[in-house]
Protein backbone atom coordinates (compact mmCIF):
# COMPACT_ATOMS: atom_id res chain seq x y z
CA MET A 1 -28.04 15.91 52.82
CA SER A 2 -28.71 14.97 56.42
CA ALA A 3 -31.96 13.40 57.51
CA VAL A 4 -34.33 15.21 59.84
CA THR A 5 -37.01 13.37 61.80
CA GLY A 6 -40.11 15.11 63.16
CA THR A 7 -43.58 16.33 62.33
CA PHE A 8 -44.99 19.48 60.79
CA GLY A 9 -45.68 22.36 63.11
CA THR A 10 -43.25 21.29 65.83
CA ALA A 11 -40.32 23.58 65.07
CA ALA A 12 -39.60 25.84 68.03
CA GLY A 13 -41.46 29.13 67.70
CA ASN A 14 -43.01 28.16 64.37
CA GLY A 15 -46.54 27.00 64.92
CA ALA A 16 -45.90 24.47 67.69
CA GLY A 17 -48.95 23.27 69.53
CA GLY A 18 -51.23 23.64 66.51
CA SER A 19 -51.11 27.46 66.27
CA THR A 20 -49.51 29.65 63.67
CA PRO A 21 -48.25 33.21 64.19
CA HIS A 22 -48.75 34.23 60.55
CA PRO A 23 -52.30 35.04 59.38
CA ASP A 24 -51.61 33.91 55.81
CA ALA A 25 -50.16 30.52 56.77
CA PHE A 26 -52.07 27.26 57.02
CA HIS A 27 -51.46 23.59 57.70
CA ALA A 28 -51.97 21.38 54.62
CA ARG A 29 -52.58 17.94 56.10
CA LEU A 30 -52.39 16.03 52.83
CA LEU A 31 -49.12 17.71 51.92
CA GLU A 32 -47.78 16.61 55.28
CA GLN A 33 -48.94 13.08 54.52
CA ALA A 34 -47.16 13.10 51.16
CA LEU A 35 -43.93 14.38 52.72
CA GLN A 36 -44.02 12.30 55.90
CA PRO A 37 -41.40 9.79 54.62
CA LEU A 38 -38.94 12.71 54.41
CA LEU A 39 -39.65 13.61 58.01
CA ASP A 40 -39.01 9.98 58.92
CA GLY A 41 -35.55 10.13 57.37
CA GLU A 42 -36.27 8.40 54.05
CA ARG A 43 -34.89 9.67 50.77
CA ARG A 44 -37.38 11.11 48.30
CA VAL A 45 -37.42 12.65 44.83
CA VAL A 46 -39.69 15.72 44.77
CA LEU A 47 -40.81 17.66 41.69
CA ASP A 48 -42.05 21.23 42.16
CA LEU A 49 -44.14 22.38 39.18
CA GLY A 50 -43.99 26.01 40.33
CA GLU A 51 -41.32 28.66 40.36
CA PRO A 52 -38.24 28.43 42.60
CA HIS A 53 -38.71 30.15 45.96
CA ALA A 54 -36.01 30.47 48.59
CA GLU A 55 -38.32 29.46 51.45
CA THR A 56 -39.37 26.19 49.82
CA VAL A 57 -35.84 25.32 48.74
CA SER A 58 -34.64 26.06 52.28
CA PHE A 59 -37.33 23.79 53.75
CA PHE A 60 -36.13 20.82 51.69
CA SER A 61 -32.43 21.51 52.23
CA GLY A 62 -32.41 19.68 55.56
CA PHE A 63 -33.73 16.41 54.15
CA ARG A 64 -32.51 13.53 52.01
CA VAL A 65 -34.18 14.77 48.86
CA ARG A 66 -33.55 15.46 45.21
CA LEU A 67 -35.66 18.51 44.36
CA GLY A 68 -36.49 19.35 40.76
CA ILE A 69 -38.16 22.68 39.89
CA ALA A 70 -40.06 22.76 36.61
CA SER A 71 -41.43 26.35 36.51
CA LEU A 72 -44.46 25.16 34.53
CA ILE A 73 -47.17 27.55 35.68
CA PRO A 74 -46.70 30.44 33.20
CA ALA A 75 -46.08 28.09 30.27
CA LEU A 76 -49.15 25.91 30.79
CA ALA A 77 -51.59 28.54 32.06
CA GLY A 78 -51.26 30.39 28.75
CA LEU A 79 -52.34 27.45 26.58
CA ASP A 80 -55.83 27.66 25.12
CA ALA A 81 -58.56 25.07 24.75
CA GLU A 82 -57.88 24.52 21.05
CA GLU A 83 -54.27 23.42 21.46
CA ASP A 84 -53.52 20.38 19.28
CA GLU A 85 -53.10 17.22 21.36
CA ALA A 86 -49.97 16.03 19.56
CA ARG A 87 -48.39 19.45 19.99
CA LEU A 88 -49.37 19.46 23.65
CA ARG A 89 -47.69 16.10 24.13
CA ARG A 90 -44.46 17.27 22.50
CA TYR A 91 -44.55 20.50 24.50
CA LEU A 92 -44.93 18.62 27.78
CA GLU A 93 -42.04 16.34 26.85
CA THR A 94 -39.91 19.47 26.44
CA LEU A 95 -41.09 21.08 29.67
CA LEU A 96 -40.84 17.85 31.69
CA PRO A 97 -37.82 15.92 30.46
CA ASP A 98 -36.98 12.63 32.12
CA ARG A 99 -33.78 14.03 33.64
CA LEU A 100 -35.85 16.56 35.61
CA ALA A 101 -39.02 14.69 36.49
CA GLY A 102 -38.27 11.00 36.05
CA GLY A 103 -38.75 8.94 39.20
CA ALA A 104 -40.35 11.72 41.26
CA GLN A 105 -42.28 10.28 44.20
CA VAL A 106 -44.02 13.53 45.18
CA VAL A 107 -45.17 16.28 42.80
CA LEU A 108 -46.17 19.72 44.08
CA ALA A 109 -48.80 21.18 41.74
CA TRP A 110 -49.92 24.01 44.07
CA ASP A 111 -52.88 25.86 42.44
CA LEU A 112 -51.89 24.97 38.88
CA LEU A 113 -54.88 22.79 37.95
CA ASN A 114 -57.27 25.72 38.48
CA TYR A 115 -55.56 27.64 35.68
CA LEU A 116 -55.45 24.92 33.03
CA GLN A 117 -57.90 24.01 30.31
CA PRO A 118 -59.26 20.45 30.70
CA ARG A 119 -57.27 19.04 27.78
CA VAL A 120 -54.09 20.62 29.18
CA ILE A 121 -54.73 18.91 32.53
CA THR A 122 -55.08 15.61 30.66
CA ALA A 123 -51.84 16.17 28.75
CA LEU A 124 -49.94 17.19 31.89
CA MET A 125 -51.14 14.23 33.93
CA ALA A 126 -50.49 11.84 31.04
CA ARG A 127 -46.90 13.08 30.89
CA LEU A 128 -46.52 12.69 34.65
CA GLY A 129 -47.98 9.22 34.34
CA GLU A 130 -45.13 8.33 31.97
CA LEU A 131 -42.49 9.68 34.35
CA LEU A 132 -43.64 8.77 37.85
CA PRO A 133 -43.34 5.36 39.52
CA ARG A 134 -46.36 3.49 40.82
CA GLY A 135 -47.49 4.91 44.13
CA ALA A 136 -46.19 8.44 43.41
CA LEU A 137 -48.34 11.29 44.71
CA VAL A 138 -49.38 14.56 43.07
CA HIS A 139 -50.49 17.19 45.58
CA GLY A 140 -52.53 20.27 44.72
CA PHE A 141 -55.38 22.63 45.57
CA VAL A 142 -58.54 22.91 43.46
CA ALA A 143 -61.19 25.61 43.82
CA TYR A 144 -64.44 24.01 44.98
CA GLY A 145 -66.49 26.25 47.23
CA ILE A 146 -65.46 29.58 45.72
CA LYS A 147 -66.57 31.28 42.50
CA THR A 148 -63.52 33.43 41.74
CA LEU A 149 -59.76 33.10 41.92
CA PRO A 150 -56.88 35.56 41.66
CA VAL A 151 -56.06 36.19 38.03
CA LYS A 152 -52.69 34.56 38.70
CA PRO A 153 -52.06 31.48 40.88
CA ARG A 154 -51.21 32.09 44.51
CA VAL A 155 -47.55 31.96 45.42
CA LEU A 156 -47.32 29.33 48.17
CA VAL A 157 -44.10 28.58 50.00
CA LEU A 158 -43.15 26.05 52.65
CA ARG A 159 -42.07 27.60 55.94
CA PRO A 160 -39.45 25.94 58.17
CA ASP A 161 -42.20 24.33 60.29
CA GLY A 162 -43.93 22.83 57.25
CA TRP A 163 -46.87 25.24 57.21
CA LEU A 164 -47.73 26.83 53.86
CA ALA A 165 -47.55 30.60 53.59
CA THR A 166 -49.31 32.65 50.92
CA MET A 167 -47.07 35.39 49.60
CA PRO A 168 -48.75 38.79 49.09
CA GLU A 169 -49.71 39.77 45.54
CA ARG A 170 -50.08 43.30 44.19
CA ASP A 171 -52.56 42.31 41.51
CA THR A 172 -56.00 41.99 43.12
CA ALA A 173 -57.87 41.18 39.88
CA THR A 174 -59.93 38.00 39.82
CA ARG A 175 -61.19 35.46 37.30
CA PRO A 176 -63.94 32.80 37.39
CA ALA A 177 -62.96 29.56 39.09
CA PRO A 178 -63.44 26.41 36.98
CA ARG A 179 -64.63 24.53 40.10
CA TYR A 180 -63.62 21.09 38.85
CA THR A 181 -65.42 18.33 40.71
CA THR A 182 -63.67 15.19 41.91
CA GLY A 183 -65.40 13.19 39.19
CA GLU A 184 -64.30 15.62 36.47
CA LEU A 185 -60.72 15.54 37.68
CA GLN A 186 -60.73 11.76 37.77
CA ARG A 187 -61.95 11.61 34.16
CA LEU A 188 -59.22 14.03 33.09
CA MET A 189 -56.41 11.93 34.56
CA PRO A 190 -57.05 8.21 33.95
CA ALA A 191 -53.47 7.30 34.92
CA PHE A 192 -54.15 8.57 38.46
CA ARG A 193 -56.77 8.04 41.13
CA VAL A 194 -57.94 10.41 43.83
CA ASP A 195 -56.23 9.13 46.96
CA ARG A 196 -57.64 11.66 49.43
CA ALA A 197 -59.39 15.03 49.35
CA ILE A 198 -60.08 17.54 52.14
CA LEU A 199 -62.26 20.64 51.85
CA LEU A 200 -60.47 23.58 53.46
CA ARG A 201 -62.08 26.53 55.18
CA ASP A 202 -61.20 28.92 52.35
CA GLY A 203 -63.21 26.86 49.85
CA MET A 204 -60.21 25.12 48.32
CA GLN A 205 -60.16 21.34 48.10
CA GLU A 206 -56.79 19.83 48.95
CA TYR A 207 -56.06 16.72 46.85
CA LEU A 208 -53.64 13.84 46.70
CA PHE A 209 -53.66 11.99 43.37
CA ARG A 210 -51.88 8.63 43.35
CA ARG A 211 -50.16 7.09 40.32
């Protein structure tokens, strides 16, 4: 695929000048940081833990990238707190085989961590720790300043200008937010360290975790 050089938010008619025409779109600065090498023309291996969405696939199609899509959210969000650790490990090896996730330099976790039991977070991040090279980044959003979340994770897609858009959901039911702190997250993922965190206006904390 051909390389494209630029910065987020500079595509003509798509949020240039720091504004965005879509009320449900926002600029994720740490996601931009993680993907900046792509914008500079470098090749990257990206792993999307969510479902395949045409907008996100289209965004990456103009770059030198190998994109893997794991579709993990429904499988992991349904696991309970009593899941056996050995079984969890085997399950994650099945869901994240080396041929799909091995060597990924950027992982897109979206809202997934908010919907996982603590031991499932540990198992997931341990598996990623086995697969990712040193310096790899895991990007995600964690509820911090809000008490409730949608009963299902938001569907976030990358627009052509690099802004994230939230797709509308019919189900308006909510559930309590786990509100993991930075310290709790760090304890749950010893193979990673918190690289940067930014509190967003909607109460979500945007994170970059570095391998």
